[in-house]
PDB file of N, CA and C in Angstrom:
ATOM      1  N   UNK A   1      58.107  -3.847  -1.357  1.00  0.00           N
ATOM      2  CA  UNK A   1      58.866  -4.526  -0.312  1.00  0.00           C
ATOM      3  C   UNK A   1      59.793  -5.278  -0.974  1.00  0.00           C
ATOM      4  N   UNK A   2      61.109  -5.322  -0.171  1.00  0.00           N
ATOM      5  CA  UNK A   2      62.289  -6.064  -0.744  1.00  0.00           C
ATOM      6  C   UNK A   2      62.587  -6.837   0.469  1.00  0.00           C
ATOM      7  N   UNK A   3      63.015  -8.088   0.153  1.00  0.00           N
ATOM      8  CA  UNK A   3      63.231  -9.044   1.224  1.00  0.00           C
ATOM      9  C   UNK A   3      64.465  -9.780   0.560  1.00  0.00           C
ATOM     10  N   UNK A   4      65.544  -9.619   1.382  1.00  0.00           N
ATOM     11  CA  UNK A   4      66.785 -10.796   0.933  1.00  0.00           C
ATOM     12  C   UNK A   4      66.840 -12.074   1.757  1.00  0.00           C
ATOM     13  N   UNK A   5      66.991 -13.206   1.107  1.00  0.00           N
ATOM     14  CA  UNK A   5      67.114 -14.358   1.734  1.00  0.00           C
ATOM     15  C   UNK A   5      68.228 -15.061   1.039  1.00  0.00           C
ATOM     16  N   UNK A   6      69.277 -15.327   1.815  1.00  0.00           N
ATOM     17  CA  UNK A   6      70.509 -15.920   1.182  1.00  0.00           C
ATOM     18  C   UNK A   6      70.701 -17.386   1.721  1.00  0.00           C
ATOM     19  N   UNK A   7      71.215 -18.112   0.835  1.00  0.00           N
ATOM     20  CA  UNK A   7      71.566 -19.464   1.187  1.00  0.00           C
ATOM     21  C   UNK A   7      72.113 -20.094  -0.118  1.00  0.00           C
ATOM     22  N   UNK A   8      73.167 -21.053   0.095  1.00  0.00           N
ATOM     23  CA  UNK A   8      73.580 -21.845  -0.965  1.00  0.00           C
ATOM     24  C   UNK A   8      74.148 -21.105  -2.047  1.00  0.00           C
ATOM     25  N   UNK A   9      74.930 -19.901  -1.824  1.00  0.00           N
ATOM     26  CA  UNK A   9      75.566 -19.111  -2.976  1.00  0.00           C
ATOM     27  C   UNK A   9      74.642 -18.508  -3.805  1.00  0.00           C
ATOM     28  N   UNK A  10      73.313 -18.661  -3.562  1.00  0.00           N
ATOM     29  CA  UNK A  10      72.301 -17.774  -4.335  1.00  0.00           C
ATOM     30  C   UNK A  10      71.646 -16.632  -3.529  1.00  0.00           C
ATOM     31  N   UNK A  11      71.481 -15.616  -3.946  1.00  0.00           N
ATOM     32  CA  UNK A  11      70.728 -14.700  -3.358  1.00  0.00           C
ATOM     33  C   UNK A  11      69.132 -14.634  -3.838  1.00  0.00           C
ATOM     34  N   UNK A  12      68.079 -14.579  -2.871  1.00  0.00           N
ATOM     35  CA  UNK A  12      66.803 -14.723  -3.164  1.00  0.00           C
ATOM     36  C   UNK A  12      66.271 -13.333  -2.901  1.00  0.00           C
ATOM     37  N   UNK A  13      65.522 -12.494  -3.647  1.00  0.00           N
ATOM     38  CA  UNK A  13      64.998 -11.217  -3.174  1.00  0.00           C
ATOM     39  C   UNK A  13      63.541 -11.443  -3.528  1.00  0.00           C
ATOM     40  N   UNK A  14      62.715 -10.885  -2.688  1.00  0.00           N
ATOM     41  CA  UNK A  14      61.283 -10.669  -2.882  1.00  0.00           C
ATOM     42  C   UNK A  14      61.010  -9.275  -3.247  1.00  0.00           C
ATOM     43  N   UNK A  15      60.534  -8.999  -4.471  1.00  0.00           N
ATOM     44  CA  UNK A  15      60.237  -7.632  -5.084  1.00  0.00           C
ATOM     45  C   UNK A  15      58.899  -7.524  -5.456  1.00  0.00           C
ATOM     46  N   UNK A  16      58.243  -6.560  -4.902  1.00  0.00           N
ATOM     47  CA  UNK A  16      56.745  -6.266  -5.161  1.00  0.00           C
ATOM     48  C   UNK A  16      56.792  -5.861  -6.582  1.00  0.00           C
ATOM     49  N   UNK A  17      55.947  -6.303  -7.462  1.00  0.00           N
ATOM     50  CA  UNK A  17      55.933  -5.707  -8.955  1.00  0.00           C
ATOM     51  C   UNK A  17      54.464  -5.610  -9.521  1.00  0.00           C
ATOM     52  N   UNK A  18      54.535  -4.895 -10.562  1.00  0.00           N
ATOM     53  CA  UNK A  18      53.138  -4.807 -11.295  1.00  0.00           C
ATOM     54  C   UNK A  18      53.315  -5.256 -12.706  1.00  0.00           C
ATOM     55  N   UNK A  19      52.504  -6.044 -13.187  1.00  0.00           N
ATOM     56  CA  UNK A  19      52.468  -6.602 -14.613  1.00  0.00           C
ATOM     57  C   UNK A  19      51.832  -5.664 -15.473  1.00  0.00           C
ATOM     58  N   UNK A  20      52.534  -4.935 -16.314  1.00  0.00           N
ATOM     59  CA  UNK A  20      52.056  -3.927 -17.167  1.00  0.00           C
ATOM     60  C   UNK A  20      52.555  -4.090 -18.718  1.00  0.00           C
ATOM     61  N   UNK A  21      51.626  -4.219 -19.685  1.00  0.00           N
ATOM     62  CA  UNK A  21      51.991  -4.329 -21.217  1.00  0.00           C
ATOM     63  C   UNK A  21      53.152  -5.452 -21.259  1.00  0.00           C
ATOM     64  N   UNK A  22      52.956  -6.587 -20.725  1.00  0.00           N
ATOM     65  CA  UNK A  22      53.582  -7.844 -20.929  1.00  0.00           C
ATOM     66  C   UNK A  22      54.856  -7.729 -20.125  1.00  0.00           C
ATOM     67  N   UNK A  23      55.105  -6.742 -19.152  1.00  0.00           N
ATOM     68  CA  UNK A  23      56.552  -6.627 -18.523  1.00  0.00           C
ATOM     69  C   UNK A  23      56.161  -6.525 -16.922  1.00  0.00           C
ATOM     70  N   UNK A  24      57.049  -7.176 -16.276  1.00  0.00           N
ATOM     71  CA  UNK A  24      56.921  -6.850 -14.753  1.00  0.00           C
ATOM     72  C   UNK A  24      57.784  -5.852 -14.364  1.00  0.00           C
ATOM     73  N   UNK A  25      57.262  -4.690 -13.719  1.00  0.00           N
ATOM     74  CA  UNK A  25      57.872  -3.456 -13.297  1.00  0.00           C
ATOM     75  C   UNK A  25      57.820  -3.357 -11.876  1.00  0.00           C
ATOM     76  N   UNK A  26      58.908  -3.479 -11.183  1.00  0.00           N
ATOM     77  CA  UNK A  26      59.193  -3.426  -9.672  1.00  0.00           C
ATOM     78  C   UNK A  26      58.568  -2.132  -9.308  1.00  0.00           C
ATOM     79  N   UNK A  27      57.785  -2.256  -8.151  1.00  0.00           N
ATOM     80  CA  UNK A  27      57.253  -1.119  -7.669  1.00  0.00           C
ATOM     81  C   UNK A  27      58.134  -0.157  -6.858  1.00  0.00           C
ATOM     82  N   UNK A  28      59.260  -0.596  -6.378  1.00  0.00           N
ATOM     83  CA  UNK A  28      60.198   0.128  -5.814  1.00  0.00           C
ATOM     84  C   UNK A  28      61.704  -0.309  -6.230  1.00  0.00           C
ATOM     85  N   UNK A  29      61.874   0.221  -7.772  1.00  0.00           N
ATOM     86  CA  UNK A  29      63.079  -0.412  -8.240  1.00  0.00           C
ATOM     87  C   UNK A  29      64.498   0.004  -7.568  1.00  0.00           C
ATOM     88  N   UNK A  30      64.377   1.115  -6.930  1.00  0.00           N
ATOM     89  CA  UNK A  30      65.807   1.466  -6.361  1.00  0.00           C
ATOM     90  C   UNK A  30      66.212   0.439  -5.233  1.00  0.00           C
ATOM     91  N   UNK A  31      65.384  -0.255  -4.685  1.00  0.00           N
ATOM     92  CA  UNK A  31      65.480  -1.097  -3.671  1.00  0.00           C
ATOM     93  C   UNK A  31      66.154  -2.492  -4.221  1.00  0.00           C
ATOM     94  N   UNK A  32      66.268  -2.714  -5.546  1.00  0.00           N
ATOM     95  CA  UNK A  32      66.566  -4.038  -6.067  1.00  0.00           C
ATOM     96  C   UNK A  32      68.089  -4.017  -6.283  1.00  0.00           C
ATOM     97  N   UNK A  33      68.689  -5.040  -6.062  1.00  0.00           N
ATOM     98  CA  UNK A  33      70.190  -5.325  -6.269  1.00  0.00           C
ATOM     99  C   UNK A  33      70.258  -5.832  -7.615  1.00  0.00           C
ATOM    100  N   UNK A  34      69.328  -5.879  -8.491  1.00  0.00           N
ATOM    101  CA  UNK A  34      69.610  -6.365  -9.827  1.00  0.00           C
ATOM    102  C   UNK A  34      70.323  -5.207 -10.756  1.00  0.00           C
ATOM    103  N   UNK A  35      71.117  -6.049 -11.698  1.00  0.00           N
ATOM    104  CA  UNK A  35      71.685  -5.203 -12.811  1.00  0.00           C
ATOM    105  C   UNK A  35      70.836  -5.408 -13.884  1.00  0.00           C
ATOM    106  N   UNK A  36      71.015  -4.293 -14.894  1.00  0.00           N
ATOM    107  CA  UNK A  36      70.449  -4.475 -16.285  1.00  0.00           C
ATOM    108  C   UNK A  36      70.724  -5.882 -17.134  1.00  0.00           C
ATOM    109  N   UNK A  37      69.912  -6.343 -17.705  1.00  0.00           N
ATOM    110  CA  UNK A  37      70.215  -7.661 -18.300  1.00  0.00           C
ATOM    111  C   UNK A  37      70.404  -8.955 -17.408  1.00  0.00           C
ATOM    112  N   UNK A  38      70.316  -8.832 -16.206  1.00  0.00           N
ATOM    113  CA  UNK A  38      70.462  -9.869 -15.294  1.00  0.00           C
ATOM    114  C   UNK A  38      69.194 -10.809 -15.396  1.00  0.00           C
ATOM    115  N   UNK A  39      69.470 -12.147 -15.535  1.00  0.00           N
ATOM    116  CA  UNK A  39      68.383 -13.294 -15.558  1.00  0.00           C
ATOM    117  C   UNK A  39      67.894 -13.507 -14.312  1.00  0.00           C
ATOM    118  N   UNK A  40      66.526 -13.667 -13.943  1.00  0.00           N
ATOM    119  CA  UNK A  40      66.077 -14.060 -12.729  1.00  0.00           C
ATOM    120  C   UNK A  40      65.032 -15.070 -12.973  1.00  0.00           C
ATOM    121  N   UNK A  41      64.557 -15.742 -11.809  1.00  0.00           N
ATOM    122  CA  UNK A  41      63.496 -16.632 -11.939  1.00  0.00           C
ATOM    123  C   UNK A  41      62.380 -16.024 -11.106  1.00  0.00           C
ATOM    124  N   UNK A  42      61.185 -15.987 -11.741  1.00  0.00           N
ATOM    125  CA  UNK A  42      60.054 -15.518 -11.122  1.00  0.00           C
ATOM    126  C   UNK A  42      59.054 -16.419 -10.412  1.00  0.00           C
ATOM    127  N   UNK A  43      58.649 -16.146  -9.251  1.00  0.00           N
ATOM    128  CA  UNK A  43      57.313 -16.986  -8.848  1.00  0.00           C
ATOM    129  C   UNK A  43      56.443 -15.974  -8.391  1.00  0.00           C
ATOM    130  N   UNK A  44      55.373 -16.295  -9.203  1.00  0.00           N
ATOM    131  CA  UNK A  44      54.203 -15.186  -9.063  1.00  0.00           C
ATOM    132  C   UNK A  44      53.298 -15.521  -8.164  1.00  0.00           C
ATOM    133  N   UNK A  45      52.992 -14.485  -7.166  1.00  0.00           N
ATOM    134  CA  UNK A  45      51.950 -14.676  -6.057  1.00  0.00           C
ATOM    135  C   UNK A  45      51.100 -13.488  -6.251  1.00  0.00           C
ATOM    136  N   UNK A  46      49.777 -13.710  -6.335  1.00  0.00           N
ATOM    137  CA  UNK A  46      48.731 -12.597  -6.352  1.00  0.00           C
ATOM    138  C   UNK A  46      48.532 -11.853  -5.156  1.00  0.00           C
ATOM    139  N   UNK A  47      48.032 -10.812  -5.241  1.00  0.00           N
ATOM    140  CA  UNK A  47      47.904 -10.077  -3.869  1.00  0.00           C
ATOM    141  C   UNK A  47      47.023 -10.808  -2.961  1.00  0.00           C
ATOM    142  N   UNK A  48      46.085 -11.507  -3.338  1.00  0.00           N
ATOM    143  CA  UNK A  48      45.368 -12.267  -2.456  1.00  0.00           C
ATOM    144  C   UNK A  48      46.192 -13.243  -1.630  1.00  0.00           C
ATOM    145  N   UNK A  49      47.064 -14.083  -2.359  1.00  0.00           N
ATOM    146  CA  UNK A  49      47.900 -14.884  -1.634  1.00  0.00           C
ATOM    147  C   UNK A  49      48.895 -14.151  -0.754  1.00  0.00           C
ATOM    148  N   UNK A  50      49.353 -13.146  -1.116  1.00  0.00           N
ATOM    149  CA  UNK A  50      50.219 -12.425  -0.167  1.00  0.00           C
ATOM    150  C   UNK A  50      49.512 -12.062   1.130  1.00  0.00           C
ATOM    151  N   UNK A  51      48.249 -11.523   0.817  1.00  0.00           N
ATOM    152  CA  UNK A  51      47.459 -11.157   1.926  1.00  0.00           C
ATOM    153  C   UNK A  51      47.046 -12.248   2.874  1.00  0.00           C
ATOM    154  N   UNK A  52      46.809 -13.470   2.442  1.00  0.00           N
ATOM    155  CA  UNK A  52      46.518 -14.548   3.229  1.00  0.00           C
ATOM    156  C   UNK A  52      47.800 -15.095   3.843  1.00  0.00           C
ATOM    157  N   UNK A  53      48.879 -14.935   3.280  1.00  0.00           N
ATOM    158  CA  UNK A  53      50.132 -15.346   4.009  1.00  0.00           C
ATOM    159  C   UNK A  53      50.588 -14.282   5.053  1.00  0.00           C
ATOM    160  N   UNK A  54      50.247 -13.193   4.768  1.00  0.00           N
ATOM    161  CA  UNK A  54      50.497 -12.074   5.809  1.00  0.00           C
ATOM    162  C   UNK A  54      49.677 -12.316   7.009  1.00  0.00           C
ATOM    163  N   UNK A  55      48.411 -12.486   6.911  1.00  0.00           N
ATOM    164  CA  UNK A  55      47.522 -12.788   8.004  1.00  0.00           C
ATOM    165  C   UNK A  55      47.953 -14.193   8.629  1.00  0.00           C
ATOM    166  N   UNK A  56      48.332 -15.058   8.077  1.00  0.00           N
ATOM    167  CA  UNK A  56      48.685 -16.254   8.689  1.00  0.00           C
ATOM    168  C   UNK A  56      49.925 -16.099   9.488  1.00  0.00           C
ATOM    169  N   UNK A  57      50.959 -15.307   9.011  1.00  0.00           N
ATOM    170  CA  UNK A  57      51.996 -15.077   9.809  1.00  0.00           C
ATOM    171  C   UNK A  57      51.629 -14.238  11.065  1.00  0.00           C
ATOM    172  N   UNK A  58      50.715 -13.334  10.959  1.00  0.00           N
ATOM    173  CA  UNK A  58      50.280 -12.688  12.167  1.00  0.00           C
ATOM    174  C   UNK A  58      49.696 -13.555  13.281  1.00  0.00           C
ATOM    175  N   UNK A  59      48.924 -14.467  12.826  1.00  0.00           N
ATOM    176  CA  UNK A  59      48.393 -15.381  13.561  1.00  0.00           C
ATOM    177  C   UNK A  59      49.288 -16.190  14.664  1.00  0.00           C
ATOM    178  N   UNK A  60      50.293 -16.758  14.008  1.00  0.00           N
ATOM    179  CA  UNK A  60      51.596 -17.340  14.713  1.00  0.00           C
ATOM    180  C   UNK A  60      52.668 -16.615  15.307  1.00  0.00           C
ATOM    181  N   UNK A  61      52.692 -15.273  14.982  1.00  0.00           N
ATOM    182  CA  UNK A  61      53.814 -14.556  15.438  1.00  0.00           C
ATOM    183  C   UNK A  61      54.063 -14.614  16.897  1.00  0.00           C
ATOM    184  N   UNK A  62      54.992 -15.090  17.500  1.00  0.00           N
ATOM    185  CA  UNK A  62      55.330 -15.068  18.851  1.00  0.00           C
ATOM    186  C   UNK A  62      55.041 -16.318  19.508  1.00  0.00           C
ATOM    187  N   UNK A  63      54.475 -17.129  18.753  1.00  0.00           N
ATOM    188  CA  UNK A  63      54.138 -18.681  19.276  1.00  0.00           C
ATOM    189  C   UNK A  63      55.392 -19.426  19.256  1.00  0.00           C
ATOM    190  N   UNK A  64      55.271 -20.502  20.124  1.00  0.00           N
ATOM    191  CA  UNK A  64      56.344 -21.451  20.081  1.00  0.00           C
ATOM    192  C   UNK A  64      56.165 -22.435  18.973  1.00  0.00           C
ATOM    193  N   UNK A  65      57.058 -23.310  18.655  1.00  0.00           N
ATOM    194  CA  UNK A  65      56.983 -24.401  17.764  1.00  0.00           C
ATOM    195  C   UNK A  65      55.650 -25.337  18.062  1.00  0.00           C
ATOM    196  N   UNK A  66      55.664 -25.545  19.368  1.00  0.00           N
ATOM    197  CA  UNK A  66      54.580 -26.445  19.886  1.00  0.00           C
ATOM    198  C   UNK A  66      53.319 -25.699  19.682  1.00  0.00           C
ATOM    199  N   UNK A  67      53.085 -24.564  20.026  1.00  0.00           N
ATOM    200  CA  UNK A  67      51.741 -23.863  19.711  1.00  0.00           C
ATOM    201  C   UNK A  67      51.448 -23.586  18.260  1.00  0.00           C
ATOM    202  N   UNK A  68      52.523 -23.446  17.423  1.00  0.00           N
ATOM    203  CA  UNK A  68      52.186 -23.374  15.934  1.00  0.00           C
ATOM    204  C   UNK A  68      51.653 -24.511  15.329  1.00  0.00           C
ATOM    205  N   UNK A  69      52.302 -25.914  15.904  1.00  0.00           N
ATOM    206  CA  UNK A  69      51.741 -27.186  15.565  1.00  0.00           C
ATOM    207  C   UNK A  69      50.358 -27.335  16.124  1.00  0.00           C
ATOM    208  N   UNK A  70      50.013 -26.781  17.232  1.00  0.00           N
ATOM    209  CA  UNK A  70      48.632 -26.996  17.819  1.00  0.00           C
ATOM    210  C   UNK A  70      47.750 -26.236  16.956  1.00  0.00           C
ATOM    211  N   UNK A  71      48.050 -24.961  16.478  1.00  0.00           N
ATOM    212  CA  UNK A  71      47.252 -24.193  15.669  1.00  0.00           C
ATOM    213  C   UNK A  71      47.039 -24.926  14.175  1.00  0.00           C
ATOM    214  N   UNK A  72      48.019 -25.563  13.616  1.00  0.00           N
ATOM    215  CA  UNK A  72      47.849 -26.080  12.420  1.00  0.00           C
ATOM    216  C   UNK A  72      47.075 -27.198  12.655  1.00  0.00           C
ATOM    217  N   UNK A  73      47.066 -28.125  13.825  1.00  0.00           N
ATOM    218  CA  UNK A  73      46.479 -29.200  13.816  1.00  0.00           C
ATOM    219  C   UNK A  73      45.058 -28.947  13.953  1.00  0.00           C
ATOM    220  N   UNK A  74      44.521 -27.807  14.678  1.00  0.00           N
ATOM    221  CA  UNK A  74      43.255 -27.436  14.873  1.00  0.00           C
ATOM    222  C   UNK A  74      42.644 -26.824  13.431  1.00  0.00           C
ATOM    223  N   UNK A  75      43.440 -26.107  12.827  1.00  0.00           N
ATOM    224  CA  UNK A  75      42.951 -25.552  11.366  1.00  0.00           C
ATOM    225  C   UNK A  75      42.724 -26.683  10.457  1.00  0.00           C
ATOM    226  N   UNK A  76      43.490 -27.737  10.556  1.00  0.00           N
ATOM    227  CA  UNK A  76      43.280 -28.825   9.645  1.00  0.00           C
ATOM    228  C   UNK A  76      42.445 -29.908   9.995  1.00  0.00           C
ATOM    229  N   UNK A  77      41.798 -29.897  11.270  1.00  0.00           N
ATOM    230  CA  UNK A  77      40.979 -30.780  11.906  1.00  0.00           C
ATOM    231  C   UNK A  77      39.561 -30.645  11.248  1.00  0.00           C
ATOM    232  N   UNK A  78      38.859 -31.747  11.101  1.00  0.00           N
ATOM    233  CA  UNK A  78      37.655 -31.553  10.452  1.00  0.00           C
ATOM    234  C   UNK A  78      36.325 -31.526  11.343  1.00  0.00           C
ATOM    235  N   UNK A  79      37.014 -31.485  12.684  1.00  0.00           N
ATOM    236  CA  UNK A  79      35.854 -31.117  13.670  1.00  0.00           C
ATOM    237  C   UNK A  79      35.622 -29.602  13.812  1.00  0.00           C
ATOM    238  N   UNK A  80      34.366 -29.321  14.252  1.00  0.00           N
ATOM    239  CA  UNK A  80      34.175 -27.909  14.556  1.00  0.00           C
ATOM    240  C   UNK A  80      35.216 -27.165  15.371  1.00  0.00           C
ATOM    241  N   UNK A  81      35.440 -25.904  15.163  1.00  0.00           N
ATOM    242  CA  UNK A  81      36.502 -25.027  15.871  1.00  0.00           C
ATOM    243  C   UNK A  81      36.169 -24.900  17.166  1.00  0.00           C
ATOM    244  N   UNK A  82      34.841 -24.561  17.303  1.00  0.00           N
ATOM    245  CA  UNK A  82      34.163 -24.347  18.810  1.00  0.00           C
ATOM    246  C   UNK A  82      33.287 -25.417  19.099  1.00  0.00           C
ATOM    247  N   UNK A  83      33.316 -25.933  20.220  1.00  0.00           N
ATOM    248  CA  UNK A  83      32.334 -26.915  20.698  1.00  0.00           C
ATOM    249  C   UNK A  83      30.964 -26.144  20.636  1.00  0.00           C
ATOM    250  N   UNK A  84      29.798 -27.169  20.519  1.00  0.00           N
ATOM    251  CA  UNK A  84      28.476 -26.457  20.536  1.00  0.00           C
ATOM    252  C   UNK A  84      28.209 -25.806  21.843  1.00  0.00           C
ATOM    253  N   UNK A  85      28.841 -26.086  22.938  1.00  0.00           N
ATOM    254  CA  UNK A  85      28.388 -25.209  24.061  1.00  0.00           C
ATOM    255  C   UNK A  85      28.970 -23.955  24.091  1.00  0.00           C
ATOM    256  N   UNK A  86      30.086 -23.686  23.196  1.00  0.00           N
ATOM    257  CA  UNK A  86      30.689 -22.364  23.106  1.00  0.00           C
ATOM    258  C   UNK A  86      30.053 -21.406  22.200  1.00  0.00           C
ATOM    259  N   UNK A  87      29.060 -21.795  21.533  1.00  0.00           N
ATOM    260  CA  UNK A  87      28.358 -20.981  20.187  1.00  0.00           C
ATOM    261  C   UNK A  87      27.375 -20.168  20.887  1.00  0.00           C
TER     262      UNK A  87
END
């Protein structure tokens, strides 16, 4: 997966990679806009983190800001998600 995010004169790319023999190897190198020798900054996310973020994005897809805030409020609430009468 390659995703470009631009802002502030810098270009950010999200490139899926595999760590092998001490080196990060892009899974789809032809999609990258990098040139040989170019320095980059890596932020490492494991597959589990990516899976959780993907699932969270699916939960809120198509919701309004108000609805997303309500989902976040419920998710971070210490009270049970379902009332005892709904179980």
